[in-house]
C-alpha atoms as a PDB file:
ATOM      1  CA  MET A   1      22.191  13.644  -0.083  1.00  0.00           C
ATOM      2  CA  SER A   2      18.976  11.882   0.838  1.00  0.00           C
ATOM      3  CA  LYS A   3      17.855  11.907   4.422  1.00  0.00           C
ATOM      4  CA  ASN A   4      17.433   8.415   5.839  1.00  0.00           C
ATOM      5  CA  VAL A   5      14.117   7.465   7.401  1.00  0.00           C
ATOM      6  CA  ALA A   6      13.292   4.920  10.094  1.00  0.00           C
ATOM      7  CA  LEU A   7       9.621   4.200   9.437  1.00  0.00           C
ATOM      8  CA  VAL A   8       7.052   2.892  11.941  1.00  0.00           C
ATOM      9  CA  LEU A   9       3.659   1.704  10.682  1.00  0.00           C
ATOM     10  CA  SER A  10       0.713   1.080  12.992  1.00  0.00           C
ATOM     11  CA  GLY A  11      -2.000  -1.520  12.766  1.00  0.00           C
ATOM     12  CA  GLY A  12      -5.462  -0.419  11.711  1.00  0.00           C
ATOM     13  CA  ALA A  13      -7.051  -3.021   9.421  1.00  0.00           C
ATOM     14  CA  ALA A  14      -8.303  -1.368   6.197  1.00  0.00           C
ATOM     15  CA  ARG A  15      -7.021   2.013   7.351  1.00  0.00           C
ATOM     16  CA  GLY A  16      -3.546   0.541   7.081  1.00  0.00           C
ATOM     17  CA  LEU A  17      -3.800   0.889   3.312  1.00  0.00           C
ATOM     18  CA  ALA A  18      -3.084   4.581   3.940  1.00  0.00           C
ATOM     19  CA  HIS A  19       0.511   3.507   4.675  1.00  0.00           C
ATOM     20  CA  ILE A  20       1.009   3.046   0.932  1.00  0.00           C
ATOM     21  CA  GLY A  21       0.322   6.721   0.252  1.00  0.00           C
ATOM     22  CA  VAL A  22       2.625   7.742   3.095  1.00  0.00           C
ATOM     23  CA  ILE A  23       5.487   5.634   1.749  1.00  0.00           C
ATOM     24  CA  GLU A  24       5.020   7.003  -1.760  1.00  0.00           C
ATOM     25  CA  GLU A  25       5.111  10.587  -0.480  1.00  0.00           C
ATOM     26  CA  ILE A  26       8.250   9.935   1.580  1.00  0.00           C
ATOM     27  CA  GLU A  27      10.033   8.536  -1.466  1.00  0.00           C
ATOM     28  CA  LYS A  28       8.722  11.324  -3.697  1.00  0.00           C
ATOM     29  CA  ARG A  29      10.519  13.823  -1.486  1.00  0.00           C
ATOM     30  CA  GLY A  30      13.813  12.021  -1.944  1.00  0.00           C
ATOM     31  CA  TYR A  31      14.039  10.366   1.437  1.00  0.00           C
ATOM     32  CA  THR A  32      15.516   6.870   1.737  1.00  0.00           C
ATOM     33  CA  ILE A  33      13.672   4.454   3.999  1.00  0.00           C
ATOM     34  CA  THR A  34      16.391   2.391   5.674  1.00  0.00           C
ATOM     35  CA  SER A  35      14.297   0.490   8.205  1.00  0.00           C
ATOM     36  CA  VAL A  36      10.650  -0.369   8.843  1.00  0.00           C
ATOM     37  CA  ALA A  37       8.821  -1.644  11.911  1.00  0.00           C
ATOM     38  CA  GLY A  38       5.175  -2.585  11.685  1.00  0.00           C
ATOM     39  CA  THR A  39       2.306  -4.066  13.609  1.00  0.00           C
ATOM     40  CA  SER A  40      -0.611  -5.918  11.994  1.00  0.00           C
ATOM     41  CA  MET A  41      -1.544  -4.137   8.740  1.00  0.00           C
ATOM     42  CA  GLY A  42       1.560  -2.025   9.231  1.00  0.00           C
ATOM     43  CA  ALA A  43       3.626  -5.208   9.278  1.00  0.00           C
ATOM     44  CA  LEU A  44       1.938  -6.398   6.092  1.00  0.00           C
ATOM     45  CA  ILE A  45       2.497  -3.163   4.178  1.00  0.00           C
ATOM     46  CA  GLY A  46       5.982  -2.717   5.628  1.00  0.00           C
ATOM     47  CA  GLY A  47       7.016  -6.265   4.791  1.00  0.00           C
ATOM     48  CA  ILE A  48       5.752  -5.991   1.237  1.00  0.00           C
ATOM     49  CA  TYR A  49       7.589  -2.685   0.868  1.00  0.00           C
ATOM     50  CA  ALA A  50      10.813  -4.208   2.198  1.00  0.00           C
ATOM     51  CA  LEU A  51      10.461  -6.943  -0.426  1.00  0.00           C
ATOM     52  CA  GLY A  52      10.205  -4.308  -3.150  1.00  0.00           C
ATOM     53  CA  LYS A  53       6.714  -5.510  -4.126  1.00  0.00           C
ATOM     54  CA  LEU A  54       4.580  -2.576  -3.007  1.00  0.00           C
ATOM     55  CA  PRO A  55       3.581  -1.450  -6.552  1.00  0.00           C
ATOM     56  CA  GLU A  56       2.149  -4.904  -7.325  1.00  0.00           C
ATOM     57  CA  PHE A  57       0.289  -5.026  -4.030  1.00  0.00           C
ATOM     58  CA  LYS A  58      -1.103  -1.536  -4.570  1.00  0.00           C
ATOM     59  CA  GLU A  59      -2.409  -2.464  -8.010  1.00  0.00           C
ATOM     60  CA  TRP A  60      -4.142  -5.540  -6.600  1.00  0.00           C
ATOM     61  CA  ALA A  61      -5.588  -3.688  -3.609  1.00  0.00           C
ATOM     62  CA  ILE A  62      -7.078  -0.960  -5.808  1.00  0.00           C
ATOM     63  CA  SER A  63      -8.709  -3.615  -7.989  1.00  0.00           C
ATOM     64  CA  LEU A  64     -10.605  -5.141  -5.044  1.00  0.00           C
ATOM     65  CA  GLU A  65     -14.384  -4.977  -5.149  1.00  0.00           C
ATOM     66  CA  ARG A  66     -16.783  -5.681  -2.289  1.00  0.00           C
ATOM     67  CA  HIS A  67     -17.550  -9.211  -3.491  1.00  0.00           C
ATOM     68  CA  ASP A  68     -13.833  -9.994  -3.764  1.00  0.00           C
ATOM     69  CA  MET A  69     -13.678  -9.629   0.000  1.00  0.00           C
ATOM     70  CA  PHE A  70     -16.360 -12.273   0.469  1.00  0.00           C
ATOM     71  CA  ARG A  71     -14.536 -14.779  -1.695  1.00  0.00           C
ATOM     72  CA  MET A  72     -11.358 -14.412   0.358  1.00  0.00           C
ATOM     73  CA  VAL A  73     -12.999 -14.963   3.734  1.00  0.00           C
ATOM     74  CA  ASP A  74     -12.372 -18.490   5.005  1.00  0.00           C
ATOM     75  CA  PHE A  75     -14.438 -18.994   8.128  1.00  0.00           C
ATOM     76  CA  SER A  76     -13.270 -21.128  11.007  1.00  0.00           C
ATOM     77  CA  PHE A  77     -15.749 -22.461  13.530  1.00  0.00           C
ATOM     78  CA  GLY A  78     -13.266 -24.267  15.716  1.00  0.00           C
ATOM     79  CA  GLY A  79     -13.459 -21.671  18.476  1.00  0.00           C
ATOM     80  CA  ASN A  80     -10.013 -20.024  18.132  1.00  0.00           C
ATOM     81  CA  GLY A  81     -11.037 -17.393  15.610  1.00  0.00           C
ATOM     82  CA  LEU A  82     -13.731 -16.464  13.126  1.00  0.00           C
ATOM     83  CA  ILE A  83     -11.394 -16.270  10.119  1.00  0.00           C
ATOM     84  CA  LYS A  84      -8.359 -18.389   9.269  1.00  0.00           C
ATOM     85  CA  GLY A  85      -6.845 -15.817   6.921  1.00  0.00           C
ATOM     86  CA  ASP A  86      -5.329 -18.498   4.703  1.00  0.00           C
ATOM     87  CA  LYS A  87      -7.137 -17.385   1.542  1.00  0.00           C
ATOM     88  CA  VAL A  88      -6.026 -13.784   1.943  1.00  0.00           C
ATOM     89  CA  LEU A  89      -2.429 -14.733   2.562  1.00  0.00           C
ATOM     90  CA  ALA A  90      -2.483 -17.286  -0.264  1.00  0.00           C
ATOM     91  CA  LYS A  91      -3.621 -14.506  -2.585  1.00  0.00           C
ATOM     92  CA  ILE A  92      -0.870 -12.207  -1.361  1.00  0.00           C
ATOM     93  CA  GLN A  93       1.698 -14.944  -1.932  1.00  0.00           C
ATOM     94  CA  GLU A  94       0.703 -15.113  -5.587  1.00  0.00           C
ATOM     95  CA  PHE A  95       2.636 -11.918  -6.200  1.00  0.00           C
ATOM     96  CA  VAL A  96       4.720 -11.629  -3.022  1.00  0.00           C
ATOM     97  CA  PRO A  97       6.928 -14.685  -2.537  1.00  0.00           C
ATOM     98  CA  ASP A  98       8.107 -15.453   0.976  1.00  0.00           C
ATOM     99  CA  ALA A  99      11.590 -14.465   2.059  1.00  0.00           C
ATOM    100  CA  GLN A 100      13.810 -14.485   5.104  1.00  0.00           C
ATOM    101  CA  ILE A 101      13.571 -11.222   7.006  1.00  0.00           C
ATOM    102  CA  GLU A 102      17.333 -11.052   7.468  1.00  0.00           C
ATOM    103  CA  ASP A 103      17.781 -11.186   3.676  1.00  0.00           C
ATOM    104  CA  LEU A 104      15.556  -8.177   2.931  1.00  0.00           C
ATOM    105  CA  PRO A 105      17.308  -5.129   1.460  1.00  0.00           C
ATOM    106  CA  ILE A 106      16.187  -2.947   4.376  1.00  0.00           C
ATOM    107  CA  ALA A 107      15.874  -3.726   8.077  1.00  0.00           C
ATOM    108  CA  PHE A 108      12.392  -4.929   8.999  1.00  0.00           C
ATOM    109  CA  SER A 109      10.551  -6.061  12.091  1.00  0.00           C
ATOM    110  CA  ALA A 110       7.008  -7.305  12.686  1.00  0.00           C
ATOM    111  CA  THR A 111       5.400  -7.151  16.100  1.00  0.00           C
ATOM    112  CA  ALA A 112       3.172  -9.865  17.529  1.00  0.00           C
ATOM    113  CA  VAL A 113       2.134 -10.914  21.028  1.00  0.00           C
ATOM    114  CA  ASP A 114       2.532 -14.286  22.715  1.00  0.00           C
ATOM    115  CA  LEU A 115      -0.690 -14.773  24.656  1.00  0.00           C
ATOM    116  CA  LYS A 116       0.577 -17.823  26.501  1.00  0.00           C
ATOM    117  CA  HIS A 117       3.575 -16.035  27.991  1.00  0.00           C
ATOM    118  CA  ARG A 118       1.978 -12.568  27.915  1.00  0.00           C
ATOM    119  CA  GLU A 119       4.869 -10.908  26.154  1.00  0.00           C
ATOM    120  CA  GLU A 120       5.664  -9.035  22.980  1.00  0.00           C
ATOM    121  CA  VAL A 121       7.372 -10.938  20.168  1.00  0.00           C
ATOM    122  CA  VAL A 122       9.409  -9.021  17.616  1.00  0.00           C
ATOM    123  CA  PHE A 123      10.322 -10.823  14.391  1.00  0.00           C
ATOM    124  CA  THR A 124      13.641  -9.631  12.968  1.00  0.00           C
ATOM    125  CA  LYS A 125      14.656 -12.874  11.274  1.00  0.00           C
ATOM    126  CA  GLY A 126      13.083 -15.991   9.835  1.00  0.00           C
ATOM    127  CA  SER A 127      10.087 -16.304   7.539  1.00  0.00           C
ATOM    128  CA  LEU A 128       8.538 -12.986   6.533  1.00  0.00           C
ATOM    129  CA  PHE A 129       5.263 -14.727   5.727  1.00  0.00           C
ATOM    130  CA  ASN A 130       5.033 -16.298   9.171  1.00  0.00           C
ATOM    131  CA  ALA A 131       5.917 -13.022  10.870  1.00  0.00           C
ATOM    132  CA  ILE A 132       3.180 -11.159   9.025  1.00  0.00           C
ATOM    133  CA  ARG A 133       0.651 -13.933   9.632  1.00  0.00           C
ATOM    134  CA  ALA A 134       1.302 -13.761  13.368  1.00  0.00           C
ATOM    135  CA  SER A 135       1.203  -9.970  13.466  1.00  0.00           C
ATOM    136  CA  ILE A 136      -2.236  -9.739  11.800  1.00  0.00           C
ATOM    137  CA  ALA A 137      -3.930 -12.408  13.943  1.00  0.00           C
ATOM    138  CA  ILE A 138      -6.563 -10.232  15.651  1.00  0.00           C
ATOM    139  CA  PRO A 139      -7.702 -12.160  18.746  1.00  0.00           C
ATOM    140  CA  SER A 140     -11.015 -14.002  18.256  1.00  0.00           C
ATOM    141  CA  VAL A 141     -11.207 -12.792  14.636  1.00  0.00           C
ATOM    142  CA  PHE A 142      -8.240 -14.486  12.948  1.00  0.00           C
ATOM    143  CA  THR A 143      -7.001 -17.830  14.178  1.00  0.00           C
ATOM    144  CA  PRO A 144      -3.773 -17.435  16.189  1.00  0.00           C
ATOM    145  CA  ILE A 145      -0.438 -18.935  15.204  1.00  0.00           C
ATOM    146  CA  THR A 146       1.006 -21.666  17.376  1.00  0.00           C
ATOM    147  CA  HIS A 147       4.795 -21.614  17.198  1.00  0.00           C
ATOM    148  CA  ASN A 148       6.910 -23.835  19.438  1.00  0.00           C
ATOM    149  CA  ASP A 149       5.480 -23.110  22.904  1.00  0.00           C
ATOM    150  CA  SER A 150       3.813 -19.827  21.896  1.00  0.00           C
ATOM    151  CA  VAL A 151       0.353 -18.672  20.848  1.00  0.00           C
ATOM    152  CA  LEU A 152       0.893 -15.624  18.656  1.00  0.00           C
ATOM    153  CA  VAL A 153      -1.672 -12.915  17.915  1.00  0.00           C
ATOM    154  CA  ASP A 154      -1.883  -9.358  16.603  1.00  0.00           C
ATOM    155  CA  GLY A 155       0.866  -7.119  17.963  1.00  0.00           C
ATOM    156  CA  GLY A 156      -1.647  -4.336  18.469  1.00  0.00           C
ATOM    157  CA  VAL A 157      -2.691  -6.024  21.696  1.00  0.00           C
ATOM    158  CA  MET A 158       0.466  -4.624  23.312  1.00  0.00           C
ATOM    159  CA  ASN A 159       2.237  -2.358  20.830  1.00  0.00           C
ATOM    160  CA  ASN A 160       0.198  -1.010  17.928  1.00  0.00           C
ATOM    161  CA  LEU A 161       2.744   1.679  17.003  1.00  0.00           C
ATOM    162  CA  PRO A 162       6.068  -0.145  17.504  1.00  0.00           C
ATOM    163  CA  ILE A 163       8.435   2.808  17.706  1.00  0.00           C
ATOM    164  CA  SER A 164      10.481   0.832  20.211  1.00  0.00           C
ATOM    165  CA  ASN A 165      11.139  -1.896  17.630  1.00  0.00           C
ATOM    166  CA  VAL A 166      12.431   0.059  14.658  1.00  0.00           C
ATOM    167  CA  GLN A 167      16.144  -0.094  13.860  1.00  0.00           C
ATOM    168  CA  ARG A 168      17.749   3.325  14.156  1.00  0.00           C
ATOM    169  CA  ASN A 169      20.802   4.681  12.403  1.00  0.00           C
ATOM    170  CA  GLU A 170      22.697   7.811  13.327  1.00  0.00           C
ATOM    171  CA  GLY A 171      21.158  10.935  11.824  1.00  0.00           C
ATOM    172  CA  ASP A 172      18.007   9.254  10.513  1.00  0.00           C
ATOM    173  CA  LEU A 173      14.524  10.755  10.667  1.00  0.00           C
ATOM    174  CA  LEU A 174      12.028   8.839  12.778  1.00  0.00           C
ATOM    175  CA  VAL A 175       8.645   8.826  11.024  1.00  0.00           C
ATOM    176  CA  ALA A 176       5.678   7.189  12.741  1.00  0.00           C
ATOM    177  CA  VAL A 177       2.325   6.613  11.023  1.00  0.00           C
ATOM    178  CA  HIS A 178      -0.731   6.287  13.255  1.00  0.00           C
ATOM    179  CA  VAL A 179      -3.849   5.305  11.290  1.00  0.00           C
ATOM    180  CA  ASN A 180      -6.234   5.209  14.254  1.00  0.00           C
ATOM    181  CA  ALA A 181      -5.944   8.840  15.282  1.00  0.00           C
ATOM    182  CA  ALA A 182      -8.877  10.489  17.050  1.00  0.00           C
ATOM    183  CA  ILE A 183      -9.038  13.389  14.609  1.00  0.00           C
ATOM    184  CA  PRO A 184     -11.682  14.489  12.088  1.00  0.00           C
ATOM    185  CA  VAL A 185     -11.666  13.220   8.517  1.00  0.00           C
ATOM    186  CA  PRO A 186     -10.258  15.962   6.251  1.00  0.00           C
ATOM    187  CA  HIS A 187     -13.161  17.684   4.539  1.00  0.00           C
ATOM    188  CA  HIS A 188     -11.364  17.281   1.223  1.00  0.00           C
ATOM    189  CA  PHE A 189     -11.916  13.517   1.422  1.00  0.00           C
ATOM    190  CA  TYR A 190     -15.609  13.340   2.142  1.00  0.00           C
ATOM    191  CA  GLU A 191     -17.149  11.206  -0.572  1.00  0.00           C
ATOM    192  CA  LYS A 192     -18.724  13.236  -3.349  1.00  0.00           C
ATOM    193  CA  GLU A 193     -21.903  11.188  -3.620  1.00  0.00           C
ATOM    194  CA  ASP A 194     -24.819  12.741  -1.763  1.00  0.00           C
ATOM    195  CA  LYS A 195     -25.719  11.541   1.715  1.00  0.00           C
ATOM    196  CA  VAL A 196     -28.787   9.548   0.706  1.00  0.00           C
ATOM    197  CA  GLU A 197     -26.916   7.682  -2.006  1.00  0.00           C
ATOM    198  CA  LYS A 198     -23.972   7.077   0.311  1.00  0.00           C
ATOM    199  CA  GLU A 199     -26.155   5.620   3.036  1.00  0.00           C
ATOM    200  CA  SER A 200     -28.057   3.510   0.518  1.00  0.00           C
ATOM    201  CA  THR A 201     -24.838   2.063  -0.899  1.00  0.00           C
ATOM    202  CA  TYR A 202     -23.460   1.284   2.538  1.00  0.00           C
ATOM    203  CA  LYS A 203     -26.676  -0.377   3.692  1.00  0.00           C
ATOM    204  CA  LYS A 204     -26.756  -2.476   0.531  1.00  0.00           C
ATOM    205  CA  TRP A 205     -23.210  -3.642   1.125  1.00  0.00           C
ATOM    206  CA  MET A 206     -23.912  -4.465   4.760  1.00  0.00           C
ATOM    207  CA  LYS A 207     -26.998  -6.445   3.754  1.00  0.00           C
ATOM    208  CA  GLU A 208     -24.861  -8.458   1.354  1.00  0.00           C
ATOM    209  CA  PHE A 209     -22.380  -9.110   4.154  1.00  0.00           C
ATOM    210  CA  TYR A 210     -25.146 -10.196   6.536  1.00  0.00           C
ATOM    211  CA  ASP A 211     -26.584 -12.495   3.864  1.00  0.00           C
ATOM    212  CA  PHE A 212     -23.163 -13.971   3.221  1.00  0.00           C
ATOM    213  CA  MET A 213     -22.663 -14.669   6.921  1.00  0.00           C
ATOM    214  CA  HIS A 214     -26.147 -16.185   7.064  1.00  0.00           C
ATOM    215  CA  ILE A 215     -25.313 -18.681   4.344  1.00  0.00           C
ATOM    216  CA  ASN A 216     -22.168 -19.803   6.138  1.00  0.00           C
ATOM    217  CA  HIS A 217     -23.489 -19.992   9.654  1.00  0.00           C
ATOM    218  CA  PRO A 218     -27.155 -18.972  10.059  1.00  0.00           C
ATOM    219  CA  LYS A 219     -27.538 -19.571  13.786  1.00  0.00           C
ATOM    220  CA  GLU A 220     -24.634 -17.294  14.697  1.00  0.00           C
ATOM    221  CA  LYS A 221     -25.118 -14.572  12.087  1.00  0.00           C
ATOM    222  CA  LYS A 222     -26.082 -11.682  14.367  1.00  0.00           C
ATOM    223  CA  GLU A 223     -23.954 -12.781  17.273  1.00  0.00           C
ATOM    224  CA  ARG A 224     -20.785 -13.011  15.228  1.00  0.00           C
ATOM    225  CA  LEU A 225     -21.228  -9.671  13.481  1.00  0.00           C
ATOM    226  CA  GLY A 226     -21.874  -8.005  16.806  1.00  0.00           C
ATOM    227  CA  PHE A 227     -18.831  -9.820  18.133  1.00  0.00           C
ATOM    228  CA  LEU A 228     -16.604  -8.381  15.379  1.00  0.00           C
ATOM    229  CA  SER A 229     -17.739  -4.875  16.238  1.00  0.00           C
ATOM    230  CA  LEU A 230     -17.226  -5.451  19.952  1.00  0.00           C
ATOM    231  CA  ILE A 231     -13.696  -6.783  19.469  1.00  0.00           C
ATOM    232  CA  ASP A 232     -12.821  -3.856  17.209  1.00  0.00           C
ATOM    233  CA  GLN A 233     -14.064  -1.260  19.702  1.00  0.00           C
ATOM    234  CA  ALA A 234     -12.405  -2.948  22.671  1.00  0.00           C
ATOM    235  CA  LEU A 235      -9.023  -3.177  20.931  1.00  0.00           C
ATOM    236  CA  ALA A 236      -9.258   0.391  19.646  1.00  0.00           C
ATOM    237  CA  THR A 237      -9.874   1.770  23.119  1.00  0.00           C
ATOM    238  CA  GLY A 238      -6.870   0.026  24.599  1.00  0.00           C
ATOM    239  CA  MET A 239      -4.668   0.853  21.610  1.00  0.00           C
ATOM    240  CA  LEU A 240      -5.221   4.612  21.867  1.00  0.00           C
ATOM    241  CA  THR A 241      -3.771   4.717  25.362  1.00  0.00           C
ATOM    242  CA  GLN A 242      -0.690   2.664  24.589  1.00  0.00           C
ATOM    243  CA  VAL A 243      -0.088   4.463  21.283  1.00  0.00           C
ATOM    244  CA  HIS A 244      -0.099   7.830  23.060  1.00  0.00           C
ATOM    245  CA  TYR A 245       2.449   6.411  25.481  1.00  0.00           C
ATOM    246  CA  ALA A 246       4.597   5.082  22.617  1.00  0.00           C
ATOM    247  CA  ILE A 247       4.556   8.494  20.933  1.00  0.00           C
ATOM    248  CA  GLU A 248       5.415  10.308  24.155  1.00  0.00           C
ATOM    249  CA  LYS A 249       8.274   7.950  24.911  1.00  0.00           C
ATOM    250  CA  GLY A 250       9.543   7.445  21.349  1.00  0.00           C
ATOM    251  CA  LYS A 251       9.324  11.100  20.291  1.00  0.00           C
ATOM    252  CA  PRO A 252       9.104  10.630  16.499  1.00  0.00           C
ATOM    253  CA  ASP A 253      10.505  13.472  14.394  1.00  0.00           C
ATOM    254  CA  VAL A 254       7.450  13.227  12.152  1.00  0.00           C
ATOM    255  CA  LEU A 255       4.055  11.923  13.223  1.00  0.00           C
ATOM    256  CA  VAL A 256       1.600  11.188  10.431  1.00  0.00           C
ATOM    257  CA  ASN A 257      -1.943  10.978  11.774  1.00  0.00           C
ATOM    258  CA  VAL A 258      -4.766   9.365   9.795  1.00  0.00           C
ATOM    259  CA  SER A 259      -8.295   9.632  11.163  1.00  0.00           C
ATOM    260  CA  ARG A 260      -9.845   6.482  12.532  1.00  0.00           C
ATOM    261  CA  ASP A 261     -13.100   7.581  10.899  1.00  0.00           C
ATOM    262  CA  VAL A 262     -11.855   7.481   7.290  1.00  0.00           C
ATOM    263  CA  CYS A 263     -13.458   4.063   6.803  1.00  0.00           C
ATOM    264  CA  GLY A 264     -14.815   0.979   8.486  1.00  0.00           C
ATOM    265  CA  THR A 265     -12.434  -1.595   9.895  1.00  0.00           C
ATOM    266  CA  TYR A 266     -12.954  -4.016   7.003  1.00  0.00           C
ATOM    267  CA  ASP A 267     -13.501  -1.551   4.122  1.00  0.00           C
ATOM    268  CA  PHE A 268     -10.542  -2.842   2.113  1.00  0.00           C
ATOM    269  CA  TYR A 269     -12.377  -2.121  -1.129  1.00  0.00           C
ATOM    270  CA  LYS A 270     -11.748   1.613  -0.494  1.00  0.00           C
ATOM    271  CA  ALA A 271      -8.025   1.194  -1.173  1.00  0.00           C
ATOM    272  CA  LYS A 272      -7.696   3.990  -3.721  1.00  0.00           C
ATOM    273  CA  GLU A 273      -9.289   6.567  -1.433  1.00  0.00           C
ATOM    274  CA  LEU A 274      -7.333   5.376   1.607  1.00  0.00           C
ATOM    275  CA  ILE A 275      -4.010   5.563  -0.215  1.00  0.00           C
ATOM    276  CA  GLU A 276      -4.740   9.163  -1.167  1.00  0.00           C
ATOM    277  CA  ILE A 277      -5.725  10.017   2.407  1.00  0.00           C
ATOM    278  CA  GLY A 278      -2.396   8.580   3.526  1.00  0.00           C
ATOM    279  CA  ARG A 279      -0.571  10.690   0.972  1.00  0.00           C
ATOM    280  CA  TYR A 280      -2.455  13.820   2.053  1.00  0.00           C
ATOM    281  CA  SER A 281      -1.720  13.136   5.726  1.00  0.00           C
ATOM    282  CA  ALA A 282       1.968  12.597   4.958  1.00  0.00           C
ATOM    283  CA  ILE A 283       2.149  15.899   3.064  1.00  0.00           C
ATOM    284  CA  LEU A 284       0.711  17.757   6.069  1.00  0.00           C
ATOM    285  CA  ALA A 285       3.244  16.168   8.418  1.00  0.00           C
ATOM    286  CA  LEU A 286       6.324  16.305   6.175  1.00  0.00           C
ATOM    287  CA  ASP A 287       5.725  19.926   5.250  1.00  0.00           C
ATOM    288  CA  LYS A 288       6.473  20.758   8.879  1.00  0.00           C
ATOM    289  CA  VAL A 289       9.979  19.340   8.625  1.00  0.00           C
ATOM    290  CA  LYS A 290      12.451  22.245   8.544  1.00  0.00           C
ATOM    291  CA  TYR A 291      14.541  20.688   5.828  1.00  0.00           C
ATOM    292  CA  ASN A 292      13.747  18.312   3.017  1.00  0.00           C
ATOM    293  CA  ALA A 293      16.020  15.913   1.203  1.00  0.00           C
END
């Protein structure tokens, strides 16, 4: 009989695409995922999985090119965030219709943070779309969600690996996926192109991104790009400490670690590679389990 899994998926921007490979490897081994808790990108992937739409999302993600990213960025200069996120979520809704969380076939929760009241908010019912939108609202990058008397932002601010929020069932296997781990990138996944070509390609892409930002807001081009990097580094530093605490307290049966250095924060166009890194990382972790389904 299949072993049931309570799955916890961390935030991690583009690195969160590795969650897809982890989920596929879990299912390949005959495990049944009975509940999912996610923060930020983990909430997005987990919610799509709970809807049964992960194959469609995977196909779309793999098809993304660098310029596709530019077309989906809707800048906001109102002061609450650099990006609204509406275009991205509108695209996702083309193949993932909204649903009520309580109606999903498996238990699901998305973690966000209410900045106004300085407390964690865990969505276990209501609109899945709204829950995901709140959970991915990185402070000062994506515009926050105002809901009733709350100002909701990315759950990673307080709980980037929400082990405490996953629904448990007797005898299940607690699997946590941490995609910001301070570990080396597996040598197997270093890109095959030579170093010079790799650096040239990356610099070309970054130049395109700078040029794109320049067109939209020339006076703040450098400041805003530096700002994105600063926010990313600041959040990452705080997240590592609280994630270590969550792991120590939650004691997952299986901990899948994905290196933070596998890609840049916004390298969503590397979906295919990231999914395979997730699969590889899951194999390493699951092979340590004494029994398989």
